[in-house]
């Protein structure tokens, strides 16, 4: 997008976290040049010349500030690009644009009625588009849980946004596994990221979905039968520990469970190889 209005396309990215001060995902921009090249990545500052970040209060809120994912769009119809930003927590913020690549330092949390707008899962991944063709801007998002969700804007053309809660557009898997065989990957798994476009030029918006997946196979010298048996036993144990950790309120006990899970994860190398990769899936709209 042309973030600063100079007629040249720029590249904008979020990030996990800055490495100094309090944890917060910075925004990085590579300003485009007329010759088609780009500048080195620079931190995007607010109108106060300080790095643009989602402010938080204390360590309990840090997941609101990290893993930022920005989408530049004129959200309020004033002619300036704004930033709709997702984060680790699965919530969304609006940095209002002031033109020429400048943004108000203090963001506004997006709401669905009286509650903060939030996806099912973590890692909000906003793609802002008029998904239902009613003239206003909706938000489509991926999720750590997989699948694709969308928040409908109920306002109508030319009116201030009024967002509904997220609902499933493409269902998430019933269960996310720690690894898949090649033939088990038949749809997007977890950590989905989305792009919306008319892919086949039929006048309808389609959805491209990227995911993250671990492809597993028997380790050298392990038979398929032995692999299947040991994998099933390992999965049962790991799933039980995951549920135990989720239900444990004592931090010290929970930490001990996580240590056991990490050890178990290392032990599976005895019978299993793992190739971490991802796929891109295309959903054509009917």
C-alpha atoms as a PDB file:
ATOM      1  CA  UNK A   1       0.000   0.000   0.000  1.00  0.00           C
ATOM      2  CA  UNK A   2       1.025   3.654  -0.400  1.00  0.00           C
ATOM      3  CA  UNK A   3       1.252   4.438   3.293  1.00  0.00           C
ATOM      4  CA  UNK A   4       2.519   8.006   3.067  1.00  0.00           C
ATOM      5  CA  UNK A   5       0.636   9.149  -0.032  1.00  0.00           C
ATOM      6  CA  UNK A   6       3.676   9.843  -2.223  1.00  0.00           C
ATOM      7  CA  UNK A   7       2.401   7.708  -5.103  1.00  0.00           C
ATOM      8  CA  UNK A   8       4.830   4.830  -4.436  1.00  0.00           C
ATOM      9  CA  UNK A   9       3.935   1.494  -2.822  1.00  0.00           C
ATOM     10  CA  UNK A  10       5.407   0.750   0.615  1.00  0.00           C
ATOM     11  CA  UNK A  11       5.701  -2.436   2.686  1.00  0.00           C
ATOM     12  CA  UNK A  12       4.263  -2.525   6.216  1.00  0.00           C
ATOM     13  CA  UNK A  13       4.783  -5.250   8.816  1.00  0.00           C
ATOM     14  CA  UNK A  14       4.091  -5.940  12.468  1.00  0.00           C
ATOM     15  CA  UNK A  15       6.494  -7.804  14.740  1.00  0.00           C
ATOM     16  CA  UNK A  16       6.630 -10.018  17.802  1.00  0.00           C
ATOM     17  CA  UNK A  17       8.202  -7.514  20.207  1.00  0.00           C
ATOM     18  CA  UNK A  18      10.844  -4.875  20.551  1.00  0.00           C
ATOM     19  CA  UNK A  19      13.898  -5.999  22.460  1.00  0.00           C
ATOM     20  CA  UNK A  20      14.189  -3.049  24.830  1.00  0.00           C
ATOM     21  CA  UNK A  21      11.813  -1.307  27.255  1.00  0.00           C
ATOM     22  CA  UNK A  22       8.514  -3.085  27.882  1.00  0.00           C
ATOM     23  CA  UNK A  23       7.455  -5.815  25.481  1.00  0.00           C
ATOM     24  CA  UNK A  24       5.503  -4.420  22.535  1.00  0.00           C
ATOM     25  CA  UNK A  25       5.293  -5.329  18.870  1.00  0.00           C
ATOM     26  CA  UNK A  26       6.644  -2.505  16.743  1.00  0.00           C
ATOM     27  CA  UNK A  27       5.481  -1.675  13.239  1.00  0.00           C
ATOM     28  CA  UNK A  28       8.141  -1.730  10.551  1.00  0.00           C
ATOM     29  CA  UNK A  29       7.863   0.029   7.203  1.00  0.00           C
ATOM     30  CA  UNK A  30      10.019  -0.221   4.093  1.00  0.00           C
ATOM     31  CA  UNK A  31       9.358   3.016   2.230  1.00  0.00           C
ATOM     32  CA  UNK A  32       9.081   2.545  -1.505  1.00  0.00           C
ATOM     33  CA  UNK A  33      11.243   4.455  -3.976  1.00  0.00           C
ATOM     34  CA  UNK A  34      10.270   5.573  -7.496  1.00  0.00           C
ATOM     35  CA  UNK A  35      12.834   3.166  -9.007  1.00  0.00           C
ATOM     36  CA  UNK A  36      11.006   0.163  -7.509  1.00  0.00           C
ATOM     37  CA  UNK A  37      13.405  -0.427  -4.635  1.00  0.00           C
ATOM     38  CA  UNK A  38      12.709  -0.018  -0.938  1.00  0.00           C
ATOM     39  CA  UNK A  39      14.466   1.608   1.988  1.00  0.00           C
ATOM     40  CA  UNK A  40      15.704  -0.454   4.912  1.00  0.00           C
ATOM     41  CA  UNK A  41      13.033  -1.334   7.458  1.00  0.00           C
ATOM     42  CA  UNK A  42      12.306   1.542   9.815  1.00  0.00           C
ATOM     43  CA  UNK A  43      10.208   1.696  12.966  1.00  0.00           C
ATOM     44  CA  UNK A  44       6.904   3.426  12.281  1.00  0.00           C
ATOM     45  CA  UNK A  45       6.486   6.310  14.708  1.00  0.00           C
ATOM     46  CA  UNK A  46       3.305   8.010  15.790  1.00  0.00           C
ATOM     47  CA  UNK A  47       2.586  11.706  15.392  1.00  0.00           C
ATOM     48  CA  UNK A  48       4.520  12.244  18.657  1.00  0.00           C
ATOM     49  CA  UNK A  49       7.675  10.798  17.010  1.00  0.00           C
ATOM     50  CA  UNK A  50       7.648   7.864  19.431  1.00  0.00           C
ATOM     51  CA  UNK A  51       7.368   4.242  18.232  1.00  0.00           C
ATOM     52  CA  UNK A  52       3.779   3.273  17.544  1.00  0.00           C
ATOM     53  CA  UNK A  53       2.808   0.569  20.074  1.00  0.00           C
ATOM     54  CA  UNK A  54      -0.287  -0.779  21.785  1.00  0.00           C
ATOM     55  CA  UNK A  55      -0.053   0.512  25.365  1.00  0.00           C
ATOM     56  CA  UNK A  56      -0.568  -1.915  28.256  1.00  0.00           C
ATOM     57  CA  UNK A  57      -0.624  -1.848  32.037  1.00  0.00           C
ATOM     58  CA  UNK A  58       1.615  -4.449  33.608  1.00  0.00           C
ATOM     59  CA  UNK A  59       2.691  -7.947  32.618  1.00  0.00           C
ATOM     60  CA  UNK A  60      -0.858  -9.314  32.682  1.00  0.00           C
ATOM     61  CA  UNK A  61      -1.699  -7.323  29.546  1.00  0.00           C
ATOM     62  CA  UNK A  62       1.489  -7.949  27.565  1.00  0.00           C
ATOM     63  CA  UNK A  63      -0.249 -10.269  25.083  1.00  0.00           C
ATOM     64  CA  UNK A  64      -2.320  -7.257  23.971  1.00  0.00           C
ATOM     65  CA  UNK A  65       0.867  -5.538  22.780  1.00  0.00           C
ATOM     66  CA  UNK A  66       2.854  -8.297  21.059  1.00  0.00           C
ATOM     67  CA  UNK A  67       2.618 -10.185  17.740  1.00  0.00           C
ATOM     68  CA  UNK A  68       1.164  -7.165  15.976  1.00  0.00           C
ATOM     69  CA  UNK A  69      -0.400  -7.628  12.538  1.00  0.00           C
ATOM     70  CA  UNK A  70      -1.419  -4.338  10.842  1.00  0.00           C
ATOM     71  CA  UNK A  71      -3.783  -3.741   7.939  1.00  0.00           C
ATOM     72  CA  UNK A  72      -3.807  -0.250   6.380  1.00  0.00           C
ATOM     73  CA  UNK A  73      -7.246   0.972   5.281  1.00  0.00           C
ATOM     74  CA  UNK A  74      -9.362   4.118   5.446  1.00  0.00           C
ATOM     75  CA  UNK A  75     -11.539   2.744   8.234  1.00  0.00           C
ATOM     76  CA  UNK A  76     -13.437   5.943   9.079  1.00  0.00           C
ATOM     77  CA  UNK A  77     -13.827   7.368   5.564  1.00  0.00           C
ATOM     78  CA  UNK A  78     -11.891  10.600   6.169  1.00  0.00           C
ATOM     79  CA  UNK A  79      -9.516  10.063   3.260  1.00  0.00           C
ATOM     80  CA  UNK A  80      -6.540   8.978   5.415  1.00  0.00           C
ATOM     81  CA  UNK A  81      -5.214   5.445   5.830  1.00  0.00           C
ATOM     82  CA  UNK A  82      -5.754   4.054   9.324  1.00  0.00           C
ATOM     83  CA  UNK A  83      -4.273   0.903  10.869  1.00  0.00           C
ATOM     84  CA  UNK A  84      -6.452  -1.978  12.018  1.00  0.00           C
ATOM     85  CA  UNK A  85      -4.124  -4.077  14.173  1.00  0.00           C
ATOM     86  CA  UNK A  86      -4.376  -7.635  15.472  1.00  0.00           C
ATOM     87  CA  UNK A  87      -2.280  -9.012  18.330  1.00  0.00           C
ATOM     88  CA  UNK A  88      -1.370 -12.153  20.275  1.00  0.00           C
ATOM     89  CA  UNK A  89      -4.460 -11.852  22.475  1.00  0.00           C
ATOM     90  CA  UNK A  90      -6.822 -12.011  19.502  1.00  0.00           C
ATOM     91  CA  UNK A  91      -8.112  -8.471  20.070  1.00  0.00           C
ATOM     92  CA  UNK A  92      -8.025  -5.562  17.595  1.00  0.00           C
ATOM     93  CA  UNK A  93      -7.005  -1.910  17.761  1.00  0.00           C
ATOM     94  CA  UNK A  94      -7.457   1.134  15.548  1.00  0.00           C
ATOM     95  CA  UNK A  95      -4.669   3.684  15.040  1.00  0.00           C
ATOM     96  CA  UNK A  96      -6.300   6.642  13.293  1.00  0.00           C
ATOM     97  CA  UNK A  97      -4.375   8.049  10.364  1.00  0.00           C
ATOM     98  CA  UNK A  98      -3.534  11.714  10.006  1.00  0.00           C
ATOM     99  CA  UNK A  99      -2.234  11.532   6.436  1.00  0.00           C
ATOM    100  CA  UNK A 100       1.262  11.272   4.927  1.00  0.00           C
ATOM    101  CA  UNK A 101       2.102   8.172   6.959  1.00  0.00           C
ATOM    102  CA  UNK A 102       1.339   9.758  10.339  1.00  0.00           C
ATOM    103  CA  UNK A 103      -0.862   8.096  12.948  1.00  0.00           C
ATOM    104  CA  UNK A 104      -2.341   9.112  16.279  1.00  0.00           C
ATOM    105  CA  UNK A 105      -0.167   7.611  19.046  1.00  0.00           C
ATOM    106  CA  UNK A 106      -3.065   6.340  21.179  1.00  0.00           C
ATOM    107  CA  UNK A 107      -5.062   3.483  19.639  1.00  0.00           C
ATOM    108  CA  UNK A 108      -8.720   2.692  20.161  1.00  0.00           C
ATOM    109  CA  UNK A 109      -9.761  -0.869  21.007  1.00  0.00           C
ATOM    110  CA  UNK A 110     -12.365  -2.162  18.567  1.00  0.00           C
ATOM    111  CA  UNK A 111     -15.595  -3.292  20.196  1.00  0.00           C
ATOM    112  CA  UNK A 112     -18.429  -5.664  19.366  1.00  0.00           C
ATOM    113  CA  UNK A 113     -21.276  -4.047  21.215  1.00  0.00           C
ATOM    114  CA  UNK A 114     -20.222  -3.597  24.835  1.00  0.00           C
ATOM    115  CA  UNK A 115     -17.370  -6.135  24.639  1.00  0.00           C
ATOM    116  CA  UNK A 116     -13.933  -5.957  23.013  1.00  0.00           C
ATOM    117  CA  UNK A 117     -13.875  -7.492  19.546  1.00  0.00           C
ATOM    118  CA  UNK A 118     -11.995 -10.769  19.825  1.00  0.00           C
ATOM    119  CA  UNK A 119     -11.488 -13.868  17.709  1.00  0.00           C
ATOM    120  CA  UNK A 120     -11.839 -17.420  18.960  1.00  0.00           C
ATOM    121  CA  UNK A 121      -8.173 -18.173  19.615  1.00  0.00           C
ATOM    122  CA  UNK A 122      -5.038 -16.037  19.545  1.00  0.00           C
ATOM    123  CA  UNK A 123      -3.071 -14.161  16.869  1.00  0.00           C
ATOM    124  CA  UNK A 124      -5.596 -11.795  15.320  1.00  0.00           C
ATOM    125  CA  UNK A 125      -4.886 -11.467  11.599  1.00  0.00           C
ATOM    126  CA  UNK A 126      -7.121  -8.694  10.213  1.00  0.00           C
ATOM    127  CA  UNK A 127      -8.029  -8.405   6.551  1.00  0.00           C
ATOM    128  CA  UNK A 128     -10.446  -5.508   6.105  1.00  0.00           C
ATOM    129  CA  UNK A 129     -12.879  -5.872   3.208  1.00  0.00           C
ATOM    130  CA  UNK A 130     -16.558  -5.513   2.368  1.00  0.00           C
ATOM    131  CA  UNK A 131     -17.109  -9.267   2.595  1.00  0.00           C
ATOM    132  CA  UNK A 132     -20.912  -9.213   2.360  1.00  0.00           C
ATOM    133  CA  UNK A 133     -21.134  -6.489  -0.308  1.00  0.00           C
ATOM    134  CA  UNK A 134     -23.329  -4.109   1.691  1.00  0.00           C
ATOM    135  CA  UNK A 135     -21.065  -1.081   1.300  1.00  0.00           C
ATOM    136  CA  UNK A 136     -19.261  -1.082   4.662  1.00  0.00           C
ATOM    137  CA  UNK A 137     -16.006  -2.644   5.823  1.00  0.00           C
ATOM    138  CA  UNK A 138     -15.977  -5.989   7.639  1.00  0.00           C
ATOM    139  CA  UNK A 139     -13.009  -7.762   9.250  1.00  0.00           C
ATOM    140  CA  UNK A 140     -11.854 -11.252   8.246  1.00  0.00           C
ATOM    141  CA  UNK A 141      -9.225 -12.987  10.378  1.00  0.00           C
ATOM    142  CA  UNK A 142      -7.215 -16.146  10.779  1.00  0.00           C
ATOM    143  CA  UNK A 143      -6.557 -17.667  14.214  1.00  0.00           C
ATOM    144  CA  UNK A 144      -4.164 -19.807  16.195  1.00  0.00           C
ATOM    145  CA  UNK A 145      -7.042 -22.307  16.376  1.00  0.00           C
ATOM    146  CA  UNK A 146      -7.233 -22.544  12.593  1.00  0.00           C
ATOM    147  CA  UNK A 147     -10.111 -21.737  10.289  1.00  0.00           C
ATOM    148  CA  UNK A 148     -11.216 -18.259   9.215  1.00  0.00           C
ATOM    149  CA  UNK A 149     -13.563 -15.944  11.100  1.00  0.00           C
ATOM    150  CA  UNK A 150     -15.330 -12.724  10.143  1.00  0.00           C
ATOM    151  CA  UNK A 151     -16.839  -9.825  12.060  1.00  0.00           C
ATOM    152  CA  UNK A 152     -19.713  -8.237  10.155  1.00  0.00           C
ATOM    153  CA  UNK A 153     -20.030  -4.466  10.134  1.00  0.00           C
ATOM    154  CA  UNK A 154     -23.705  -3.784  10.790  1.00  0.00           C
ATOM    155  CA  UNK A 155     -23.505  -0.031  10.265  1.00  0.00           C
ATOM    156  CA  UNK A 156     -24.130   0.302   6.534  1.00  0.00           C
ATOM    157  CA  UNK A 157     -22.496   2.501   3.919  1.00  0.00           C
ATOM    158  CA  UNK A 158     -21.043   5.798   5.154  1.00  0.00           C
ATOM    159  CA  UNK A 159     -21.853   5.237   8.841  1.00  0.00           C
ATOM    160  CA  UNK A 160     -19.489   4.717  11.816  1.00  0.00           C
ATOM    161  CA  UNK A 161     -18.536   1.071  12.146  1.00  0.00           C
ATOM    162  CA  UNK A 162     -20.730  -1.160  14.314  1.00  0.00           C
ATOM    163  CA  UNK A 163     -19.132  -4.589  14.493  1.00  0.00           C
ATOM    164  CA  UNK A 164     -20.765  -7.881  15.386  1.00  0.00           C
ATOM    165  CA  UNK A 165     -18.865 -10.616  17.209  1.00  0.00           C
ATOM    166  CA  UNK A 166     -16.663 -12.879  15.111  1.00  0.00           C
ATOM    167  CA  UNK A 167     -18.257 -15.994  13.660  1.00  0.00           C
ATOM    168  CA  UNK A 168     -16.857 -18.863  11.621  1.00  0.00           C
ATOM    169  CA  UNK A 169     -16.453 -18.278   7.898  1.00  0.00           C
ATOM    170  CA  UNK A 170     -14.327 -21.396   7.359  1.00  0.00           C
ATOM    171  CA  UNK A 171     -14.595 -23.837  10.303  1.00  0.00           C
ATOM    172  CA  UNK A 172     -11.529 -24.568  12.405  1.00  0.00           C
ATOM    173  CA  UNK A 173     -10.432 -28.200  12.818  1.00  0.00           C
ATOM    174  CA  UNK A 174     -12.241 -30.133  15.535  1.00  0.00           C
ATOM    175  CA  UNK A 175      -8.839 -30.890  17.022  1.00  0.00           C
ATOM    176  CA  UNK A 176      -5.358 -29.534  16.366  1.00  0.00           C
ATOM    177  CA  UNK A 177      -2.678 -32.221  16.436  1.00  0.00           C
ATOM    178  CA  UNK A 178       0.984 -31.860  17.246  1.00  0.00           C
ATOM    179  CA  UNK A 179       1.819 -33.559  13.956  1.00  0.00           C
ATOM    180  CA  UNK A 180       0.166 -34.902  10.791  1.00  0.00           C
ATOM    181  CA  UNK A 181       1.026 -37.564   8.241  1.00  0.00           C
ATOM    182  CA  UNK A 182       0.975 -36.338   4.643  1.00  0.00           C
ATOM    183  CA  UNK A 183      -2.337 -38.023   3.915  1.00  0.00           C
ATOM    184  CA  UNK A 184      -3.958 -36.518   7.021  1.00  0.00           C
ATOM    185  CA  UNK A 185      -3.624 -32.928   5.855  1.00  0.00           C
ATOM    186  CA  UNK A 186      -6.880 -32.321   3.980  1.00  0.00           C
ATOM    187  CA  UNK A 187      -7.685 -28.754   5.129  1.00  0.00           C
ATOM    188  CA  UNK A 188      -5.947 -25.845   6.876  1.00  0.00           C
ATOM    189  CA  UNK A 189      -4.633 -26.689  10.330  1.00  0.00           C
ATOM    190  CA  UNK A 190      -3.603 -24.053  12.907  1.00  0.00           C
ATOM    191  CA  UNK A 191      -2.009 -20.579  12.869  1.00  0.00           C
ATOM    192  CA  UNK A 192      -4.006 -19.485   9.842  1.00  0.00           C
ATOM    193  CA  UNK A 193      -3.377 -16.257   7.934  1.00  0.00           C
ATOM    194  CA  UNK A 194      -5.779 -14.922   5.324  1.00  0.00           C
ATOM    195  CA  UNK A 195      -5.937 -12.902   2.129  1.00  0.00           C
ATOM    196  CA  UNK A 196      -9.175 -11.993   0.360  1.00  0.00           C
ATOM    197  CA  UNK A 197      -9.321 -11.347  -3.393  1.00  0.00           C
ATOM    198  CA  UNK A 198     -11.266 -12.266  -6.514  1.00  0.00           C
ATOM    199  CA  UNK A 199      -8.811 -15.019  -7.404  1.00  0.00           C
ATOM    200  CA  UNK A 200     -10.603 -16.378 -10.477  1.00  0.00           C
ATOM    201  CA  UNK A 201     -12.029 -13.071 -11.759  1.00  0.00           C
ATOM    202  CA  UNK A 202     -15.662 -14.168 -11.481  1.00  0.00           C
ATOM    203  CA  UNK A 203     -16.735 -11.063  -9.564  1.00  0.00           C
ATOM    204  CA  UNK A 204     -16.817 -12.838  -6.179  1.00  0.00           C
ATOM    205  CA  UNK A 205     -14.384 -12.544  -3.305  1.00  0.00           C
ATOM    206  CA  UNK A 206     -12.380 -15.704  -2.592  1.00  0.00           C
ATOM    207  CA  UNK A 207     -10.194 -16.563   0.397  1.00  0.00           C
ATOM    208  CA  UNK A 208      -6.564 -17.685   0.453  1.00  0.00           C
ATOM    209  CA  UNK A 209      -5.577 -19.355   3.730  1.00  0.00           C
ATOM    210  CA  UNK A 210      -2.024 -20.057   4.875  1.00  0.00           C
ATOM    211  CA  UNK A 211      -1.341 -22.371   7.813  1.00  0.00           C
ATOM    212  CA  UNK A 212       1.439 -23.958   9.851  1.00  0.00           C
ATOM    213  CA  UNK A 213       1.771 -27.709  10.176  1.00  0.00           C
ATOM    214  CA  UNK A 214       4.250 -30.357  11.301  1.00  0.00           C
ATOM    215  CA  UNK A 215       4.473 -33.330   8.929  1.00  0.00           C
ATOM    216  CA  UNK A 216       5.602 -36.427  10.852  1.00  0.00           C
ATOM    217  CA  UNK A 217       6.939 -39.805   9.751  1.00  0.00           C
ATOM    218  CA  UNK A 218       8.612 -42.848  11.346  1.00  0.00           C
ATOM    219  CA  UNK A 219      12.199 -42.308  12.449  1.00  0.00           C
ATOM    220  CA  UNK A 220      14.889 -44.405  10.772  1.00  0.00           C
ATOM    221  CA  UNK A 221      14.506 -48.042  11.728  1.00  0.00           C
ATOM    222  CA  UNK A 222      10.983 -47.661  13.126  1.00  0.00           C
ATOM    223  CA  UNK A 223       8.304 -49.707  11.381  1.00  0.00           C
ATOM    224  CA  UNK A 224       4.953 -48.239  10.412  1.00  0.00           C
ATOM    225  CA  UNK A 225       3.163 -50.485  12.912  1.00  0.00           C
ATOM    226  CA  UNK A 226       5.477 -49.530  15.770  1.00  0.00           C
ATOM    227  CA  UNK A 227       5.266 -45.876  14.779  1.00  0.00           C
ATOM    228  CA  UNK A 228       1.460 -45.913  14.813  1.00  0.00           C
ATOM    229  CA  UNK A 229       1.377 -47.576  18.246  1.00  0.00           C
ATOM    230  CA  UNK A 230       3.934 -45.258  19.844  1.00  0.00           C
ATOM    231  CA  UNK A 231       2.457 -42.177  18.235  1.00  0.00           C
ATOM    232  CA  UNK A 232      -1.018 -42.990  19.587  1.00  0.00           C
ATOM    233  CA  UNK A 233       0.332 -43.536  23.115  1.00  0.00           C
ATOM    234  CA  UNK A 234       2.407 -40.358  22.960  1.00  0.00           C
ATOM    235  CA  UNK A 235      -0.556 -38.316  21.712  1.00  0.00           C
ATOM    236  CA  UNK A 236      -2.798 -39.546  24.523  1.00  0.00           C
ATOM    237  CA  UNK A 237      -0.189 -38.644  27.147  1.00  0.00           C
ATOM    238  CA  UNK A 238       0.567 -35.255  25.632  1.00  0.00           C
ATOM    239  CA  UNK A 239      -3.138 -34.377  25.312  1.00  0.00           C
ATOM    240  CA  UNK A 240      -3.752 -35.328  28.939  1.00  0.00           C
ATOM    241  CA  UNK A 241      -0.888 -33.103  30.073  1.00  0.00           C
ATOM    242  CA  UNK A 242      -2.170 -30.234  27.936  1.00  0.00           C
ATOM    243  CA  UNK A 243      -5.587 -30.432  29.581  1.00  0.00           C
ATOM    244  CA  UNK A 244      -3.972 -30.708  33.009  1.00  0.00           C
ATOM    245  CA  UNK A 245      -1.910 -27.579  32.352  1.00  0.00           C
ATOM    246  CA  UNK A 246      -4.937 -25.644  31.114  1.00  0.00           C
ATOM    247  CA  UNK A 247      -6.914 -26.503  34.260  1.00  0.00           C
ATOM    248  CA  UNK A 248      -4.084 -25.931  36.751  1.00  0.00           C
ATOM    249  CA  UNK A 249      -4.314 -22.543  38.490  1.00  0.00           C
ATOM    250  CA  UNK A 250      -1.162 -22.812  40.574  1.00  0.00           C
ATOM    251  CA  UNK A 251       1.672 -21.283  38.525  1.00  0.00           C
ATOM    252  CA  UNK A 252       4.393 -23.433  40.076  1.00  0.00           C
ATOM    253  CA  UNK A 253       2.491 -26.654  39.425  1.00  0.00           C
ATOM    254  CA  UNK A 254       1.594 -25.484  35.932  1.00  0.00           C
ATOM    255  CA  UNK A 255       5.256 -24.766  35.203  1.00  0.00           C
ATOM    256  CA  UNK A 256       6.156 -28.301  36.299  1.00  0.00           C
ATOM    257  CA  UNK A 257       3.556 -29.695  33.891  1.00  0.00           C
ATOM    258  CA  UNK A 258       5.017 -27.658  31.045  1.00  0.00           C
ATOM    259  CA  UNK A 259       8.461 -29.052  31.851  1.00  0.00           C
ATOM    260  CA  UNK A 260       7.063 -32.576  31.557  1.00  0.00           C
ATOM    261  CA  UNK A 261       5.451 -31.645  28.245  1.00  0.00           C
ATOM    262  CA  UNK A 262       8.734 -30.272  26.898  1.00  0.00           C
ATOM    263  CA  UNK A 263      10.562 -33.450  27.949  1.00  0.00           C
ATOM    264  CA  UNK A 264       7.872 -35.574  26.324  1.00  0.00           C
ATOM    265  CA  UNK A 265       8.166 -33.541  23.148  1.00  0.00           C
ATOM    266  CA  UNK A 266      11.896 -34.255  22.998  1.00  0.00           C
ATOM    267  CA  UNK A 267      11.336 -37.974  23.621  1.00  0.00           C
ATOM    268  CA  UNK A 268       9.212 -38.381  20.528  1.00  0.00           C
ATOM    269  CA  UNK A 269      12.340 -37.920  18.410  1.00  0.00           C
ATOM    270  CA  UNK A 270      13.136 -41.515  19.309  1.00  0.00           C
ATOM    271  CA  UNK A 271      10.424 -42.780  16.986  1.00  0.00           C
ATOM    272  CA  UNK A 272       9.364 -39.790  14.883  1.00  0.00           C
ATOM    273  CA  UNK A 273      10.786 -37.244  12.446  1.00  0.00           C
ATOM    274  CA  UNK A 274       9.185 -33.860  12.002  1.00  0.00           C
ATOM    275  CA  UNK A 275       9.156 -31.405   9.107  1.00  0.00           C
ATOM    276  CA  UNK A 276       7.621 -28.058   9.995  1.00  0.00           C
ATOM    277  CA  UNK A 277       6.029 -26.409   6.986  1.00  0.00           C
ATOM    278  CA  UNK A 278       2.785 -24.829   5.836  1.00  0.00           C
ATOM    279  CA  UNK A 279       0.380 -24.796   2.934  1.00  0.00           C
ATOM    280  CA  UNK A 280      -1.734 -22.259   1.080  1.00  0.00           C
ATOM    281  CA  UNK A 281      -5.379 -23.217   0.542  1.00  0.00           C
ATOM    282  CA  UNK A 282      -7.776 -21.578  -1.883  1.00  0.00           C
ATOM    283  CA  UNK A 283     -11.497 -21.294  -1.133  1.00  0.00           C
ATOM    284  CA  UNK A 284     -13.514 -20.179  -4.152  1.00  0.00           C
ATOM    285  CA  UNK A 285     -16.726 -18.421  -3.275  1.00  0.00           C
ATOM    286  CA  UNK A 286     -19.885 -19.946  -4.711  1.00  0.00           C
END
